[in-house]
C-alpha atoms as a PDB file:
ATOM      1  CA  UNK A   1       0.000   0.000   0.000  1.00  0.00           C
ATOM      2  CA  UNK A   2       3.039   2.304   0.251  1.00  0.00           C
ATOM      3  CA  UNK A   3       4.193   2.049  -3.380  1.00  0.00           C
ATOM      4  CA  UNK A   4       2.884   5.490  -4.361  1.00  0.00           C
ATOM      5  CA  UNK A   5       4.666   7.183  -1.458  1.00  0.00           C
ATOM      6  CA  UNK A   6       7.961   5.552  -2.420  1.00  0.00           C
ATOM      7  CA  UNK A   7       7.474   6.550  -6.067  1.00  0.00           C
ATOM      8  CA  UNK A   8       6.884  10.193  -5.075  1.00  0.00           C
ATOM      9  CA  UNK A   9       9.983  10.147  -2.883  1.00  0.00           C
ATOM     10  CA  UNK A  10      12.000   8.777  -5.817  1.00  0.00           C
ATOM     11  CA  UNK A  11      10.897  11.722  -7.970  1.00  0.00           C
ATOM     12  CA  UNK A  12      12.195  14.168  -5.374  1.00  0.00           C
ATOM     13  CA  UNK A  13      15.470  12.260  -5.067  1.00  0.00           C
ATOM     14  CA  UNK A  14      15.930  12.314  -8.851  1.00  0.00           C
ATOM     15  CA  UNK A  15      15.395  16.083  -8.958  1.00  0.00           C
ATOM     16  CA  UNK A  16      17.587  18.957  -7.784  1.00  0.00           C
ATOM     17  CA  UNK A  17      15.766  19.264  -4.459  1.00  0.00           C
ATOM     18  CA  UNK A  18      17.761  18.694  -1.248  1.00  0.00           C
ATOM     19  CA  UNK A  19      17.863  15.039  -0.210  1.00  0.00           C
ATOM     20  CA  UNK A  20      15.786  15.598   2.929  1.00  0.00           C
ATOM     21  CA  UNK A  21      13.006  17.722   1.375  1.00  0.00           C
ATOM     22  CA  UNK A  22      10.665  14.720   1.193  1.00  0.00           C
ATOM     23  CA  UNK A  23      10.821  11.536   3.229  1.00  0.00           C
ATOM     24  CA  UNK A  24       8.632   8.429   3.222  1.00  0.00           C
ATOM     25  CA  UNK A  25       8.698   6.739   6.623  1.00  0.00           C
ATOM     26  CA  UNK A  26       7.397   3.181   6.836  1.00  0.00           C
ATOM     27  CA  UNK A  27       6.282   2.711  10.417  1.00  0.00           C
ATOM     28  CA  UNK A  28       3.640   1.164  12.644  1.00  0.00           C
ATOM     29  CA  UNK A  29       0.617   2.775  14.308  1.00  0.00           C
ATOM     30  CA  UNK A  30       2.216   2.534  17.746  1.00  0.00           C
ATOM     31  CA  UNK A  31       5.056   4.829  16.663  1.00  0.00           C
ATOM     32  CA  UNK A  32       2.859   7.550  15.184  1.00  0.00           C
ATOM     33  CA  UNK A  33       2.500   9.416  18.482  1.00  0.00           C
ATOM     34  CA  UNK A  34       6.283   9.654  18.873  1.00  0.00           C
ATOM     35  CA  UNK A  35       6.560  11.083  15.360  1.00  0.00           C
ATOM     36  CA  UNK A  36       3.813  13.677  15.913  1.00  0.00           C
ATOM     37  CA  UNK A  37       5.327  14.625  19.281  1.00  0.00           C
ATOM     38  CA  UNK A  38       8.759  15.278  17.765  1.00  0.00           C
ATOM     39  CA  UNK A  39       9.685  18.971  17.930  1.00  0.00           C
ATOM     40  CA  UNK A  40      10.659  18.964  14.254  1.00  0.00           C
ATOM     41  CA  UNK A  41       7.059  18.172  13.266  1.00  0.00           C
ATOM     42  CA  UNK A  42       5.044  21.389  12.919  1.00  0.00           C
ATOM     43  CA  UNK A  43       1.793  20.021  11.508  1.00  0.00           C
ATOM     44  CA  UNK A  44       0.047  16.789  10.579  1.00  0.00           C
ATOM     45  CA  UNK A  45      -2.289  15.770   7.766  1.00  0.00           C
ATOM     46  CA  UNK A  46      -4.109  12.482   7.376  1.00  0.00           C
ATOM     47  CA  UNK A  47      -6.121  10.876   4.610  1.00  0.00           C
ATOM     48  CA  UNK A  48      -7.868   7.882   6.122  1.00  0.00           C
ATOM     49  CA  UNK A  49     -10.841   6.602   8.060  1.00  0.00           C
ATOM     50  CA  UNK A  50     -12.851   8.598  10.569  1.00  0.00           C
ATOM     51  CA  UNK A  51     -11.533   6.367  13.362  1.00  0.00           C
ATOM     52  CA  UNK A  52      -7.934   7.027  12.320  1.00  0.00           C
ATOM     53  CA  UNK A  53      -8.693  10.749  12.067  1.00  0.00           C
ATOM     54  CA  UNK A  54     -10.017  10.832  15.620  1.00  0.00           C
ATOM     55  CA  UNK A  55      -6.843   9.174  16.892  1.00  0.00           C
ATOM     56  CA  UNK A  56      -4.539  11.541  14.988  1.00  0.00           C
ATOM     57  CA  UNK A  57      -6.554  14.608  16.025  1.00  0.00           C
ATOM     58  CA  UNK A  58      -6.346  13.557  19.671  1.00  0.00           C
ATOM     59  CA  UNK A  59      -2.594  13.082  19.475  1.00  0.00           C
ATOM     60  CA  UNK A  60      -2.049  16.323  17.548  1.00  0.00           C
ATOM     61  CA  UNK A  61      -4.166  18.163  20.116  1.00  0.00           C
ATOM     62  CA  UNK A  62      -2.109  16.770  22.970  1.00  0.00           C
ATOM     63  CA  UNK A  63       1.039  18.285  21.457  1.00  0.00           C
ATOM     64  CA  UNK A  64      -0.713  21.402  20.069  1.00  0.00           C
ATOM     65  CA  UNK A  65       0.092  20.599  16.441  1.00  0.00           C
ATOM     66  CA  UNK A  66      -2.018  21.901  13.577  1.00  0.00           C
ATOM     67  CA  UNK A  67      -3.705  19.165  11.587  1.00  0.00           C
ATOM     68  CA  UNK A  68      -5.814  18.624   8.470  1.00  0.00           C
ATOM     69  CA  UNK A  69      -8.049  15.567   8.310  1.00  0.00           C
ATOM     70  CA  UNK A  70      -9.458  14.230   5.039  1.00  0.00           C
ATOM     71  CA  UNK A  71     -11.532  11.263   6.115  1.00  0.00           C
ATOM     72  CA  UNK A  72     -14.320   8.991   4.903  1.00  0.00           C
ATOM     73  CA  UNK A  73     -17.402   9.922   2.937  1.00  0.00           C
ATOM     74  CA  UNK A  74     -20.814   8.751   1.787  1.00  0.00           C
ATOM     75  CA  UNK A  75     -21.359  11.192  -1.051  1.00  0.00           C
ATOM     76  CA  UNK A  76     -24.982  11.685  -2.139  1.00  0.00           C
ATOM     77  CA  UNK A  77     -25.864  12.304  -5.788  1.00  0.00           C
ATOM     78  CA  UNK A  78     -29.293  13.872  -6.364  1.00  0.00           C
ATOM     79  CA  UNK A  79     -31.028  13.340  -9.704  1.00  0.00           C
ATOM     80  CA  UNK A  80     -33.997  15.703 -10.155  1.00  0.00           C
ATOM     81  CA  UNK A  81     -37.008  15.465 -12.488  1.00  0.00           C
ATOM     82  CA  UNK A  82     -35.434  17.581 -15.225  1.00  0.00           C
ATOM     83  CA  UNK A  83     -31.984  15.963 -15.212  1.00  0.00           C
ATOM     84  CA  UNK A  84     -30.331  14.903 -18.459  1.00  0.00           C
ATOM     85  CA  UNK A  85     -30.335  11.162 -17.755  1.00  0.00           C
ATOM     86  CA  UNK A  86     -27.677  10.353 -20.352  1.00  0.00           C
ATOM     87  CA  UNK A  87     -25.280  12.718 -18.615  1.00  0.00           C
ATOM     88  CA  UNK A  88     -26.420  11.791 -15.113  1.00  0.00           C
ATOM     89  CA  UNK A  89     -26.059   8.030 -15.564  1.00  0.00           C
ATOM     90  CA  UNK A  90     -22.619   8.357 -17.145  1.00  0.00           C
ATOM     91  CA  UNK A  91     -21.390  10.650 -14.360  1.00  0.00           C
ATOM     92  CA  UNK A  92     -22.916   8.519 -11.601  1.00  0.00           C
ATOM     93  CA  UNK A  93     -21.287   5.318 -12.869  1.00  0.00           C
ATOM     94  CA  UNK A  94     -17.911   7.040 -13.192  1.00  0.00           C
ATOM     95  CA  UNK A  95     -18.272   8.585  -9.751  1.00  0.00           C
ATOM     96  CA  UNK A  96     -19.103   5.241  -8.152  1.00  0.00           C
ATOM     97  CA  UNK A  97     -16.385   3.188  -9.872  1.00  0.00           C
ATOM     98  CA  UNK A  98     -13.549   5.702  -9.483  1.00  0.00           C
ATOM     99  CA  UNK A  99     -10.516   3.768  -8.214  1.00  0.00           C
ATOM    100  CA  UNK A 100     -12.642   0.598  -8.084  1.00  0.00           C
ATOM    101  CA  UNK A 101     -15.027   2.360  -5.725  1.00  0.00           C
ATOM    102  CA  UNK A 102     -12.263   2.823  -3.158  1.00  0.00           C
ATOM    103  CA  UNK A 103     -12.375   6.584  -2.955  1.00  0.00           C
ATOM    104  CA  UNK A 104     -13.387   8.862  -0.113  1.00  0.00           C
ATOM    105  CA  UNK A 105     -15.135  11.105  -2.654  1.00  0.00           C
ATOM    106  CA  UNK A 106     -16.698   8.226  -4.534  1.00  0.00           C
ATOM    107  CA  UNK A 107     -20.437   8.495  -5.174  1.00  0.00           C
ATOM    108  CA  UNK A 108     -22.176   6.230  -2.669  1.00  0.00           C
ATOM    109  CA  UNK A 109     -25.897   7.116  -2.458  1.00  0.00           C
ATOM    110  CA  UNK A 110     -27.974   7.933  -5.546  1.00  0.00           C
ATOM    111  CA  UNK A 111     -31.168   9.792  -4.718  1.00  0.00           C
ATOM    112  CA  UNK A 112     -33.604  10.082  -7.636  1.00  0.00           C
ATOM    113  CA  UNK A 113     -37.051  11.662  -7.717  1.00  0.00           C
ATOM    114  CA  UNK A 114     -39.935   9.269  -8.369  1.00  0.00           C
ATOM    115  CA  UNK A 115     -40.790  10.842 -11.733  1.00  0.00           C
ATOM    116  CA  UNK A 116     -37.545   9.652 -13.308  1.00  0.00           C
ATOM    117  CA  UNK A 117     -36.441   6.992 -10.814  1.00  0.00           C
ATOM    118  CA  UNK A 118     -37.468   3.900 -12.803  1.00  0.00           C
ATOM    119  CA  UNK A 119     -35.712   5.042 -15.967  1.00  0.00           C
ATOM    120  CA  UNK A 120     -32.626   6.095 -14.026  1.00  0.00           C
ATOM    121  CA  UNK A 121     -32.488   2.747 -12.233  1.00  0.00           C
ATOM    122  CA  UNK A 122     -32.859   0.799 -15.477  1.00  0.00           C
ATOM    123  CA  UNK A 123     -30.103   2.727 -17.241  1.00  0.00           C
ATOM    124  CA  UNK A 124     -27.785   2.778 -14.239  1.00  0.00           C
ATOM    125  CA  UNK A 125     -28.062  -0.968 -13.599  1.00  0.00           C
ATOM    126  CA  UNK A 126     -27.476  -1.711 -17.298  1.00  0.00           C
ATOM    127  CA  UNK A 127     -24.252   0.318 -17.240  1.00  0.00           C
ATOM    128  CA  UNK A 128     -23.046  -1.314 -14.024  1.00  0.00           C
ATOM    129  CA  UNK A 129     -23.740  -4.792 -15.430  1.00  0.00           C
ATOM    130  CA  UNK A 130     -21.707  -3.945 -18.532  1.00  0.00           C
ATOM    131  CA  UNK A 131     -18.578  -3.075 -16.539  1.00  0.00           C
ATOM    132  CA  UNK A 132     -15.589  -5.298 -17.326  1.00  0.00           C
ATOM    133  CA  UNK A 133     -13.622  -6.486 -14.305  1.00  0.00           C
ATOM    134  CA  UNK A 134     -10.014  -7.647 -14.325  1.00  0.00           C
ATOM    135  CA  UNK A 135      -6.361  -6.619 -14.281  1.00  0.00           C
ATOM    136  CA  UNK A 136      -6.339  -2.787 -14.133  1.00  0.00           C
ATOM    137  CA  UNK A 137      -3.163  -2.732 -16.248  1.00  0.00           C
ATOM    138  CA  UNK A 138      -5.364  -3.887 -19.123  1.00  0.00           C
ATOM    139  CA  UNK A 139      -6.899  -0.687 -20.477  1.00  0.00           C
ATOM    140  CA  UNK A 140     -10.071  -2.522 -21.492  1.00  0.00           C
ATOM    141  CA  UNK A 141     -10.933  -3.352 -17.880  1.00  0.00           C
ATOM    142  CA  UNK A 142     -12.970  -0.796 -15.964  1.00  0.00           C
ATOM    143  CA  UNK A 143     -12.895  -2.387 -12.521  1.00  0.00           C
ATOM    144  CA  UNK A 144      -9.840  -3.663 -10.681  1.00  0.00           C
ATOM    145  CA  UNK A 145      -9.427  -5.490  -7.355  1.00  0.00           C
ATOM    146  CA  UNK A 146     -10.115  -4.296  -3.832  1.00  0.00           C
ATOM    147  CA  UNK A 147      -6.942  -3.306  -1.948  1.00  0.00           C
ATOM    148  CA  UNK A 148      -7.087  -6.047   0.699  1.00  0.00           C
ATOM    149  CA  UNK A 149      -9.039  -9.196   1.416  1.00  0.00           C
ATOM    150  CA  UNK A 150     -10.447  -7.942   4.722  1.00  0.00           C
ATOM    151  CA  UNK A 151     -11.822  -4.810   3.023  1.00  0.00           C
ATOM    152  CA  UNK A 152     -13.601  -6.997   0.481  1.00  0.00           C
ATOM    153  CA  UNK A 153     -15.083  -9.197   3.211  1.00  0.00           C
ATOM    154  CA  UNK A 154     -16.259  -6.133   5.148  1.00  0.00           C
ATOM    155  CA  UNK A 155     -17.936  -4.837   1.991  1.00  0.00           C
ATOM    156  CA  UNK A 156     -19.658  -8.175   1.396  1.00  0.00           C
ATOM    157  CA  UNK A 157     -20.878  -8.177   4.998  1.00  0.00           C
ATOM    158  CA  UNK A 158     -22.324  -4.664   4.632  1.00  0.00           C
ATOM    159  CA  UNK A 159     -24.132  -5.656   1.435  1.00  0.00           C
ATOM    160  CA  UNK A 160     -25.519  -8.886   2.896  1.00  0.00           C
ATOM    161  CA  UNK A 161     -26.712  -7.159   6.061  1.00  0.00           C
ATOM    162  CA  UNK A 162     -28.440  -4.456   4.001  1.00  0.00           C
ATOM    163  CA  UNK A 163     -30.191  -7.159   1.953  1.00  0.00           C
ATOM    164  CA  UNK A 164     -31.285  -8.960   5.126  1.00  0.00           C
ATOM    165  CA  UNK A 165     -32.833  -5.661   6.279  1.00  0.00           C
ATOM    166  CA  UNK A 166     -34.856  -5.234   3.090  1.00  0.00           C
ATOM    167  CA  UNK A 167     -32.578  -3.850   0.385  1.00  0.00           C
ATOM    168  CA  UNK A 168     -33.005  -5.354  -3.095  1.00  0.00           C
ATOM    169  CA  UNK A 169     -29.974  -6.687  -4.972  1.00  0.00           C
ATOM    170  CA  UNK A 170     -30.200  -5.578  -8.613  1.00  0.00           C
ATOM    171  CA  UNK A 171     -26.792  -6.798  -9.794  1.00  0.00           C
ATOM    172  CA  UNK A 172     -23.458  -8.055  -8.473  1.00  0.00           C
ATOM    173  CA  UNK A 173     -23.138  -8.786  -4.780  1.00  0.00           C
ATOM    174  CA  UNK A 174     -21.372 -12.150  -5.062  1.00  0.00           C
ATOM    175  CA  UNK A 175     -17.664 -12.975  -4.886  1.00  0.00           C
ATOM    176  CA  UNK A 176     -16.040 -15.541  -7.157  1.00  0.00           C
ATOM    177  CA  UNK A 177     -13.384 -16.983  -4.854  1.00  0.00           C
ATOM    178  CA  UNK A 178     -11.964 -19.077  -7.703  1.00  0.00           C
ATOM    179  CA  UNK A 179     -10.579 -15.912  -9.331  1.00  0.00           C
ATOM    180  CA  UNK A 180      -7.168 -14.789  -8.097  1.00  0.00           C
ATOM    181  CA  UNK A 181      -7.216 -11.301  -6.603  1.00  0.00           C
ATOM    182  CA  UNK A 182      -9.605  -9.480  -4.289  1.00  0.00           C
ATOM    183  CA  UNK A 183     -12.202  -8.676  -6.931  1.00  0.00           C
ATOM    184  CA  UNK A 184     -15.697  -7.478  -6.075  1.00  0.00           C
ATOM    185  CA  UNK A 185     -18.259  -6.954  -8.862  1.00  0.00           C
ATOM    186  CA  UNK A 186     -20.101  -3.732  -9.622  1.00  0.00           C
ATOM    187  CA  UNK A 187     -23.127  -3.985  -7.345  1.00  0.00           C
ATOM    188  CA  UNK A 188     -26.406  -2.070  -7.134  1.00  0.00           C
ATOM    189  CA  UNK A 189     -28.862  -2.070  -4.225  1.00  0.00           C
ATOM    190  CA  UNK A 190     -32.330  -0.522  -4.292  1.00  0.00           C
ATOM    191  CA  UNK A 191     -34.937   0.074  -1.577  1.00  0.00           C
ATOM    192  CA  UNK A 192     -32.102   1.313   0.631  1.00  0.00           C
ATOM    193  CA  UNK A 193     -33.380   2.866   3.853  1.00  0.00           C
ATOM    194  CA  UNK A 194     -32.072   4.491   7.003  1.00  0.00           C
ATOM    195  CA  UNK A 195     -30.558   2.009   9.431  1.00  0.00           C
ATOM    196  CA  UNK A 196     -29.012  -0.168   6.729  1.00  0.00           C
ATOM    197  CA  UNK A 197     -25.220  -0.206   6.273  1.00  0.00           C
ATOM    198  CA  UNK A 198     -25.805   0.795   2.633  1.00  0.00           C
ATOM    199  CA  UNK A 199     -27.491   3.977   3.883  1.00  0.00           C
ATOM    200  CA  UNK A 200     -25.580   4.936   7.017  1.00  0.00           C
ATOM    201  CA  UNK A 201     -22.066   3.579   6.494  1.00  0.00           C
ATOM    202  CA  UNK A 202     -19.306   4.195   3.990  1.00  0.00           C
ATOM    203  CA  UNK A 203     -19.190   1.364   1.436  1.00  0.00           C
ATOM    204  CA  UNK A 204     -15.549   1.310   0.339  1.00  0.00           C
ATOM    205  CA  UNK A 205     -15.974  -0.543  -2.923  1.00  0.00           C
ATOM    206  CA  UNK A 206     -18.071  -0.623  -6.117  1.00  0.00           C
ATOM    207  CA  UNK A 207     -21.506  -0.760  -4.454  1.00  0.00           C
ATOM    208  CA  UNK A 208     -24.226   1.777  -5.305  1.00  0.00           C
ATOM    209  CA  UNK A 209     -27.232   2.511  -3.085  1.00  0.00           C
ATOM    210  CA  UNK A 210     -30.359   3.695  -4.932  1.00  0.00           C
ATOM    211  CA  UNK A 211     -33.002   5.704  -3.078  1.00  0.00           C
ATOM    212  CA  UNK A 212     -36.350   6.874  -4.486  1.00  0.00           C
ATOM    213  CA  UNK A 213     -37.838  10.137  -3.174  1.00  0.00           C
ATOM    214  CA  UNK A 214     -40.995  12.117  -3.873  1.00  0.00           C
ATOM    215  CA  UNK A 215     -39.318  15.401  -4.699  1.00  0.00           C
ATOM    216  CA  UNK A 216     -36.517  17.902  -4.303  1.00  0.00           C
ATOM    217  CA  UNK A 217     -36.872  18.674  -0.593  1.00  0.00           C
ATOM    218  CA  UNK A 218     -36.952  15.018   0.430  1.00  0.00           C
ATOM    219  CA  UNK A 219     -33.889  14.425  -1.742  1.00  0.00           C
ATOM    220  CA  UNK A 220     -32.001  17.210   0.029  1.00  0.00           C
ATOM    221  CA  UNK A 221     -33.070  15.901   3.442  1.00  0.00           C
ATOM    222  CA  UNK A 222     -31.817  12.385   2.684  1.00  0.00           C
ATOM    223  CA  UNK A 223     -28.606  13.719   1.133  1.00  0.00           C
ATOM    224  CA  UNK A 224     -27.834  15.504   4.407  1.00  0.00           C
ATOM    225  CA  UNK A 225     -29.001  12.596   6.589  1.00  0.00           C
ATOM    226  CA  UNK A 226     -25.494  11.272   7.153  1.00  0.00           C
ATOM    227  CA  UNK A 227     -22.641  11.691   9.597  1.00  0.00           C
ATOM    228  CA  UNK A 228     -20.344  12.396   6.648  1.00  0.00           C
ATOM    229  CA  UNK A 229     -19.924  15.586   4.652  1.00  0.00           C
ATOM    230  CA  UNK A 230     -17.177  15.280   2.049  1.00  0.00           C
ATOM    231  CA  UNK A 231     -18.752  15.697  -1.395  1.00  0.00           C
ATOM    232  CA  UNK A 232     -22.145  15.834  -3.091  1.00  0.00           C
ATOM    233  CA  UNK A 233     -23.554  16.267  -6.587  1.00  0.00           C
ATOM    234  CA  UNK A 234     -26.852  17.372  -8.086  1.00  0.00           C
ATOM    235  CA  UNK A 235     -28.154  16.812 -11.606  1.00  0.00           C
ATOM    236  CA  UNK A 236     -30.695  19.227 -13.069  1.00  0.00           C
ATOM    237  CA  UNK A 237     -31.352  21.153 -16.277  1.00  0.00           C
ATOM    238  CA  UNK A 238     -31.849  24.283 -14.169  1.00  0.00           C
ATOM    239  CA  UNK A 239     -28.244  25.230 -13.461  1.00  0.00           C
ATOM    240  CA  UNK A 240     -29.204  28.197 -11.279  1.00  0.00           C
ATOM    241  CA  UNK A 241     -31.339  25.932  -9.098  1.00  0.00           C
ATOM    242  CA  UNK A 242     -28.499  23.423  -8.916  1.00  0.00           C
ATOM    243  CA  UNK A 243     -26.081  26.158  -7.931  1.00  0.00           C
ATOM    244  CA  UNK A 244     -28.401  27.422  -5.193  1.00  0.00           C
ATOM    245  CA  UNK A 245     -28.893  23.936  -3.734  1.00  0.00           C
ATOM    246  CA  UNK A 246     -25.147  23.267  -3.879  1.00  0.00           C
ATOM    247  CA  UNK A 247     -24.292  26.568  -2.195  1.00  0.00           C
ATOM    248  CA  UNK A 248     -27.012  26.748   0.446  1.00  0.00           C
ATOM    249  CA  UNK A 249     -28.698  23.396   1.073  1.00  0.00           C
ATOM    250  CA  UNK A 250     -26.188  20.535   0.833  1.00  0.00           C
ATOM    251  CA  UNK A 251     -23.944  19.822   3.824  1.00  0.00           C
ATOM    252  CA  UNK A 252     -20.647  18.960   2.171  1.00  0.00           C
ATOM    253  CA  UNK A 253     -17.187  20.382   1.669  1.00  0.00           C
ATOM    254  CA  UNK A 254     -17.574  20.358  -2.118  1.00  0.00           C
ATOM    255  CA  UNK A 255     -20.693  20.194  -4.288  1.00  0.00           C
ATOM    256  CA  UNK A 256     -20.781  19.576  -8.033  1.00  0.00           C
ATOM    257  CA  UNK A 257     -23.593  20.400 -10.445  1.00  0.00           C
ATOM    258  CA  UNK A 258     -24.070  18.018 -13.403  1.00  0.00           C
ATOM    259  CA  UNK A 259     -20.773  16.186 -12.899  1.00  0.00           C
ATOM    260  CA  UNK A 260     -19.184  13.671 -10.547  1.00  0.00           C
ATOM    261  CA  UNK A 261     -17.084  14.886  -7.636  1.00  0.00           C
ATOM    262  CA  UNK A 262     -13.331  15.060  -8.159  1.00  0.00           C
ATOM    263  CA  UNK A 263     -10.399  17.021  -6.807  1.00  0.00           C
ATOM    264  CA  UNK A 264      -8.560  19.766  -8.671  1.00  0.00           C
ATOM    265  CA  UNK A 265      -5.246  21.226  -7.419  1.00  0.00           C
ATOM    266  CA  UNK A 266      -6.584  24.730  -8.124  1.00  0.00           C
ATOM    267  CA  UNK A 267      -9.515  24.282  -5.726  1.00  0.00           C
ATOM    268  CA  UNK A 268      -9.700  23.683  -1.959  1.00  0.00           C
ATOM    269  CA  UNK A 269     -10.634  20.137  -1.001  1.00  0.00           C
ATOM    270  CA  UNK A 270     -11.923  18.759   2.286  1.00  0.00           C
ATOM    271  CA  UNK A 271     -15.001  17.869   4.272  1.00  0.00           C
ATOM    272  CA  UNK A 272     -17.146  18.614   7.299  1.00  0.00           C
ATOM    273  CA  UNK A 273     -18.714  16.509  10.060  1.00  0.00           C
ATOM    274  CA  UNK A 274     -17.162  13.014  10.264  1.00  0.00           C
ATOM    275  CA  UNK A 275     -15.363  13.627   6.959  1.00  0.00           C
ATOM    276  CA  UNK A 276     -12.826  15.796   8.759  1.00  0.00           C
ATOM    277  CA  UNK A 277     -11.737  19.423   8.760  1.00  0.00           C
ATOM    278  CA  UNK A 278      -9.242  21.725   7.112  1.00  0.00           C
ATOM    279  CA  UNK A 279      -8.525  21.968   3.404  1.00  0.00           C
ATOM    280  CA  UNK A 280      -6.000  20.456   1.037  1.00  0.00           C
ATOM    281  CA  UNK A 281      -4.897  21.862  -2.341  1.00  0.00           C
ATOM    282  CA  UNK A 282      -4.991  25.434  -3.726  1.00  0.00           C
ATOM    283  CA  UNK A 283      -3.873  28.492  -1.775  1.00  0.00           C
ATOM    284  CA  UNK A 284      -6.166  27.406   1.072  1.00  0.00           C
ATOM    285  CA  UNK A 285      -4.256  24.146   1.410  1.00  0.00           C
ATOM    286  CA  UNK A 286      -0.973  26.052   1.631  1.00  0.00           C
ATOM    287  CA  UNK A 287      -2.392  28.338   4.321  1.00  0.00           C
ATOM    288  CA  UNK A 288      -3.209  25.304   6.475  1.00  0.00           C
ATOM    289  CA  UNK A 289       0.516  24.662   6.936  1.00  0.00           C
ATOM    290  CA  UNK A 290       1.841  28.145   7.508  1.00  0.00           C
ATOM    291  CA  UNK A 291       1.367  30.534  10.404  1.00  0.00           C
ATOM    292  CA  UNK A 292       0.038  34.034   9.878  1.00  0.00           C
ATOM    293  CA  UNK A 293       2.244  36.608  11.576  1.00  0.00           C
ATOM    294  CA  UNK A 294       1.275  40.172  12.429  1.00  0.00           C
ATOM    295  CA  UNK A 295       4.068  42.777  12.323  1.00  0.00           C
ATOM    296  CA  UNK A 296       3.222  46.278  13.609  1.00  0.00           C
ATOM    297  CA  UNK A 297       5.590  49.217  13.046  1.00  0.00           C
ATOM    298  CA  UNK A 298       5.059  52.698  14.422  1.00  0.00           C
END
C-alpha cells in the first residue's frame, strides 16, 4: 500500500531538491505518536478513516500541532425530475467506480425523484452490469481489485446485512473466490433505507445505493441525513437551481452540479462533520501549513 509514497519520494530524489526535502517513513501505528510529538514536526495531515482521524486529532491536540483531516465519505448524488439522464447516468457510474469504488469522494448514495427513478435505475443498472472487471493494467478493464481481502469481506458483509434488512440486490453482490485477486463486482442495491449499512455507512468498494424520493426537498433531506460531509452532486437542467442547492442546502465540503465529484489542485478540497476538517490543495491548502504573523511598526 506504500508504493505510491515511495514513487513520489523517488521523484524528489531524482530532482535537484535537497535530499531531505521529502521523506517516506514506513512505520507502525504505535510509533505515530512519537513522530507527531517530535519537535521537528510542525503540523500533521491524514487521509484515512474517521476512526484514524479521531486518533490523529487527539494526538495532535495533545502536542498542540495543527492538523488537516481528510476522512471517509458517503457522497450523495441527487437526480432531479429535469436531469439529463444520459449525462447523469454516465457521471454517476464514473463517480461510483472511481478507483474501483475505493475513494473517499466516490459516489455512494444515488437519490432520484420518483418521476424519473425507474428510468434512471434501469439505465444505471445496465451500465453497471456492462462493466468489465479484471487486471487494471489492461486498459479494457474498468474495474480492478479491492486493496485487501479484509476490506472486500467487510464490503460483502455490509451488502448482505443491508439485503437482510430489506434492500433489493439488482446486480453483483457475489464474490467468485476461484478468481485470483480481491475482486468485487459492480453492485447495485435498491430500496435502501435508514438504518441499513448501505445507507448509514461508507461502502468502500463498487456498491451503489439507490433511493427513491418524492421530490426535491426530500432528496435534500436524505442527502444531508449522514454523519459524513465530504462531497455531493446534483443533476438538473436548471443550473441556477443546482447552484443554489449546492451553495445553500447541501452539507458537504464540495458540491458539483451536473458532474461527478473530483479534486482539482486549483480548488480547496476537504469535508465537514465526520469527513474531517481543514482543506488540502490550492492556496487554502498552503495556508493550512503556515502561520500568519502580524508585524506592527510605528
